[in-house]
C-alpha atoms as a PDB file:
ATOM      1  CA  MET A   1       6.386  -2.291 -18.707  1.00  0.00           C
ATOM      2  CA  THR A   2       9.735  -1.740 -20.335  1.00  0.00           C
ATOM      3  CA  LYS A   3      12.571  -4.247 -20.173  1.00  0.00           C
ATOM      4  CA  LYS A   4      14.382  -1.944 -17.741  1.00  0.00           C
ATOM      5  CA  GLN A   5      11.352  -1.781 -15.429  1.00  0.00           C
ATOM      6  CA  GLU A   6      11.113  -5.557 -15.416  1.00  0.00           C
ATOM      7  CA  GLN A   7      14.664  -5.950 -14.114  1.00  0.00           C
ATOM      8  CA  ILE A   8      14.912  -7.347 -10.637  1.00  0.00           C
ATOM      9  CA  TYR A   9      16.606  -5.041  -8.162  1.00  0.00           C
ATOM     10  CA  LYS A  10      20.114  -6.251  -7.390  1.00  0.00           C
ATOM     11  CA  ARG A  11      22.385  -4.866  -4.702  1.00  0.00           C
ATOM     12  CA  SER A  12      25.823  -3.683  -5.736  1.00  0.00           C
ATOM     13  CA  LEU A  13      28.857  -5.817  -4.947  1.00  0.00           C
ATOM     14  CA  ILE A  14      30.026  -3.238  -2.379  1.00  0.00           C
ATOM     15  CA  VAL A  15      26.720  -3.386  -0.507  1.00  0.00           C
ATOM     16  CA  VAL A  16      26.781  -7.197  -0.544  1.00  0.00           C
ATOM     17  CA  LEU A  17      30.347  -7.184   0.814  1.00  0.00           C
ATOM     18  CA  LEU A  18      29.545  -4.630   3.516  1.00  0.00           C
ATOM     19  CA  LYS A  19      26.524  -6.651   4.596  1.00  0.00           C
ATOM     20  CA  LYS A  20      28.680  -9.774   4.940  1.00  0.00           C
ATOM     21  CA  ILE A  21      31.183  -7.801   7.022  1.00  0.00           C
ATOM     22  CA  LEU A  22      28.375  -6.528   9.259  1.00  0.00           C
ATOM     23  CA  ILE A  23      27.018 -10.039   9.741  1.00  0.00           C
ATOM     24  CA  THR A  24      30.500 -11.262  10.686  1.00  0.00           C
ATOM     25  CA  LEU A  25      31.024  -8.377  13.110  1.00  0.00           C
ATOM     26  CA  LYS A  26      27.647  -9.085  14.682  1.00  0.00           C
ATOM     27  CA  PHE A  27      28.932 -12.495  15.745  1.00  0.00           C
ATOM     28  CA  ILE A  28      32.407 -11.293  16.776  1.00  0.00           C
ATOM     29  CA  LEU A  29      31.664  -8.089  18.703  1.00  0.00           C
ATOM     30  CA  PRO A  30      29.690  -7.822  21.929  1.00  0.00           C
ATOM     31  CA  LYS A  31      26.129  -6.645  21.197  1.00  0.00           C
ATOM     32  CA  LYS A  32      26.667  -3.219  22.782  1.00  0.00           C
ATOM     33  CA  TRP A  33      29.784  -2.521  20.677  1.00  0.00           C
ATOM     34  CA  TYR A  34      28.183  -3.849  17.522  1.00  0.00           C
ATOM     35  CA  ASP A  35      25.093  -1.654  18.025  1.00  0.00           C
ATOM     36  CA  ILE A  36      27.257   1.437  18.547  1.00  0.00           C
ATOM     37  CA  PHE A  37      29.364   0.599  15.481  1.00  0.00           C
ATOM     38  CA  TYR A  38      26.332  -0.221  13.314  1.00  0.00           C
ATOM     39  CA  ASN A  39      24.306   2.855  14.273  1.00  0.00           C
ATOM     40  CA  PHE A  40      27.265   5.179  13.740  1.00  0.00           C
ATOM     41  CA  THR A  41      28.382   3.741  10.403  1.00  0.00           C
ATOM     42  CA  PHE A  42      24.849   3.261   9.064  1.00  0.00           C
ATOM     43  CA  ALA A  43      23.947   6.894   9.795  1.00  0.00           C
ATOM     44  CA  ILE A  44      27.050   8.054   7.913  1.00  0.00           C
ATOM     45  CA  TYR A  45      26.311   5.652   5.032  1.00  0.00           C
ATOM     46  CA  LYS A  46      22.723   6.918   4.677  1.00  0.00           C
ATOM     47  CA  LYS A  47      23.834  10.563   4.706  1.00  0.00           C
ATOM     48  CA  MET A  48      26.523   9.896   2.094  1.00  0.00           C
ATOM     49  CA  LEU A  49      24.069   7.949  -0.055  1.00  0.00           C
ATOM     50  CA  ARG A  50      21.560  10.809   0.083  1.00  0.00           C
ATOM     51  CA  LEU A  51      24.245  13.379  -0.665  1.00  0.00           C
ATOM     52  CA  ALA A  52      25.418  11.346  -3.653  1.00  0.00           C
ATOM     53  CA  TYR A  53      21.822  10.993  -4.862  1.00  0.00           C
ATOM     54  CA  SER A  54      21.306  14.768  -4.734  1.00  0.00           C
ATOM     55  CA  ARG A  55      23.450  15.042  -7.889  1.00  0.00           C
ATOM     56  CA  ILE A  56      20.748  13.127  -9.772  1.00  0.00           C
ATOM     57  CA  CYS A  57      18.160  15.681  -8.656  1.00  0.00           C
ATOM     58  CA  ILE A  58      20.416  18.528  -9.766  1.00  0.00           C
ATOM     59  CA  TYR A  59      21.121  16.837 -13.104  1.00  0.00           C
ATOM     60  CA  TYR A  60      17.448  16.440 -14.020  1.00  0.00           C
ATOM     61  CA  LYS A  61      16.635  19.960 -12.801  1.00  0.00           C
ATOM     62  CA  ILE A  62      19.363  21.444 -15.016  1.00  0.00           C
ATOM     63  CA  LYS A  63      18.378  19.191 -17.938  1.00  0.00           C
ATOM     64  CA  GLY A  64      14.769  20.375 -17.599  1.00  0.00           C
ATOM     65  CA  ASP A  65      13.314  16.855 -17.447  1.00  0.00           C
ATOM     66  CA  LYS A  66      10.311  17.550 -15.191  1.00  0.00           C
ATOM     67  CA  GLU A  67       9.123  13.949 -14.918  1.00  0.00           C
ATOM     68  CA  LYS A  68      12.527  12.520 -13.969  1.00  0.00           C
ATOM     69  CA  PHE A  69      13.181  15.465 -11.643  1.00  0.00           C
ATOM     70  CA  LYS A  70       9.864  14.809  -9.856  1.00  0.00           C
ATOM     71  CA  LYS A  71      10.822  11.147  -9.412  1.00  0.00           C
ATOM     72  CA  ALA A  72      14.344  11.983  -8.197  1.00  0.00           C
ATOM     73  CA  LYS A  73      13.041  14.652  -5.813  1.00  0.00           C
ATOM     74  CA  THR A  74      10.471  12.234  -4.355  1.00  0.00           C
ATOM     75  CA  ILE A  75      13.119   9.545  -3.825  1.00  0.00           C
ATOM     76  CA  TYR A  76      15.474  12.097  -2.257  1.00  0.00           C
ATOM     77  CA  LYS A  77      12.727  13.212   0.152  1.00  0.00           C
ATOM     78  CA  VAL A  78      11.882   9.699   1.375  1.00  0.00           C
ATOM     79  CA  MET A  79      15.462   8.426   1.702  1.00  0.00           C
ATOM     80  CA  PRO A  80      15.861   9.497   5.366  1.00  0.00           C
ATOM     81  CA  TYR A  81      12.751   7.493   6.310  1.00  0.00           C
ATOM     82  CA  SER A  82      13.593   4.231   4.578  1.00  0.00           C
ATOM     83  CA  LEU A  83      16.206   1.536   4.918  1.00  0.00           C
ATOM     84  CA  VAL A  84      15.771   0.835   1.206  1.00  0.00           C
ATOM     85  CA  GLY A  85      18.500   2.240  -1.049  1.00  0.00           C
ATOM     86  CA  SER A  86      17.960   4.585  -3.967  1.00  0.00           C
ATOM     87  CA  ALA A  87      17.755   1.762  -6.544  1.00  0.00           C
ATOM     88  CA  GLY A  88      15.050  -0.010  -4.543  1.00  0.00           C
ATOM     89  CA  LEU A  89      13.152   3.252  -4.017  1.00  0.00           C
ATOM     90  CA  SER A  90      13.415   3.988  -7.733  1.00  0.00           C
ATOM     91  CA  GLN A  91      11.998   0.587  -8.596  1.00  0.00           C
ATOM     92  CA  THR A  92       9.207   1.047  -6.044  1.00  0.00           C
ATOM     93  CA  TYR A  93       8.396   4.455  -7.553  1.00  0.00           C
ATOM     94  CA  ASP A  94       8.232   2.943 -11.047  1.00  0.00           C
ATOM     95  CA  LEU A  95       5.978   0.105  -9.913  1.00  0.00           C
ATOM     96  CA  VAL A  96       3.584   2.477  -8.136  1.00  0.00           C
ATOM     97  CA  ALA A  97       3.571   4.810 -11.168  1.00  0.00           C
ATOM     98  CA  GLU A  98       2.630   1.830 -13.360  1.00  0.00           C
ATOM     99  CA  VAL A  99      -0.240   0.933 -11.011  1.00  0.00           C
ATOM    100  CA  VAL A 100      -1.515   4.537 -11.015  1.00  0.00           C
ATOM    101  CA  LYS A 101      -1.078   4.897 -14.811  1.00  0.00           C
ATOM    102  CA  ASN A 102      -3.156   1.772 -15.435  1.00  0.00           C
ATOM    103  CA  ASN A 103      -5.764   2.791 -12.848  1.00  0.00           C
ATOM    104  CA  ILE A 104      -5.300  -0.464 -10.941  1.00  0.00           C
ATOM    105  CA  LYS A 105      -6.966  -0.522  -7.542  1.00  0.00           C
ATOM    106  CA  ALA A 106      -4.259  -1.663  -5.170  1.00  0.00           C
ATOM    107  CA  ASP A 107      -2.664  -1.231  -1.777  1.00  0.00           C
ATOM    108  CA  LEU A 108       1.031  -0.747  -1.249  1.00  0.00           C
ATOM    109  CA  ILE A 109       2.629  -2.466   1.705  1.00  0.00           C
ATOM    110  CA  GLU A 110       6.293  -1.998   2.577  1.00  0.00           C
ATOM    111  CA  CYS A 111       7.239  -5.270   4.238  1.00  0.00           C
ATOM    112  CA  GLY A 112      10.761  -4.460   5.258  1.00  0.00           C
ATOM    113  CA  VAL A 113      12.322  -5.261   8.570  1.00  0.00           C
ATOM    114  CA  ALA A 114      14.843  -3.312  10.601  1.00  0.00           C
ATOM    115  CA  GLN A 115      18.219  -3.637   8.876  1.00  0.00           C
ATOM    116  CA  GLY A 116      16.447  -5.284   5.950  1.00  0.00           C
ATOM    117  CA  ALA A 117      14.894  -4.389   2.604  1.00  0.00           C
ATOM    118  CA  ALA A 118      11.517  -3.870   0.952  1.00  0.00           C
ATOM    119  CA  GLN A 119       9.695  -6.678  -0.796  1.00  0.00           C
ATOM    120  CA  HIS A 120       7.485  -5.983  -3.829  1.00  0.00           C
END
């Protein structure tokens, strides 16, 4: 594994801040209002995140880097079905690729929870 692959996934400062705001709002707002607010804003956030990630797919396609394009395209395809962000999906992809490359018999279990994150 490279040094970069060994890095532990860290959320950006913006995501950490937004999560703290959501936790605060969860205690302040009535459950019904919070659920409406969360579902609406989270759907927009996920769509914007996926749209922003599409530029990575385009970049690697134009550059002609087939391996990185395959990875980016796979991440882009699974984004709507996961609560994990692109950095976490990228790290998961790299870890699975390492397992496959080394012919390690293994099972992959995504142990996330609703409004949570994946654990490796």
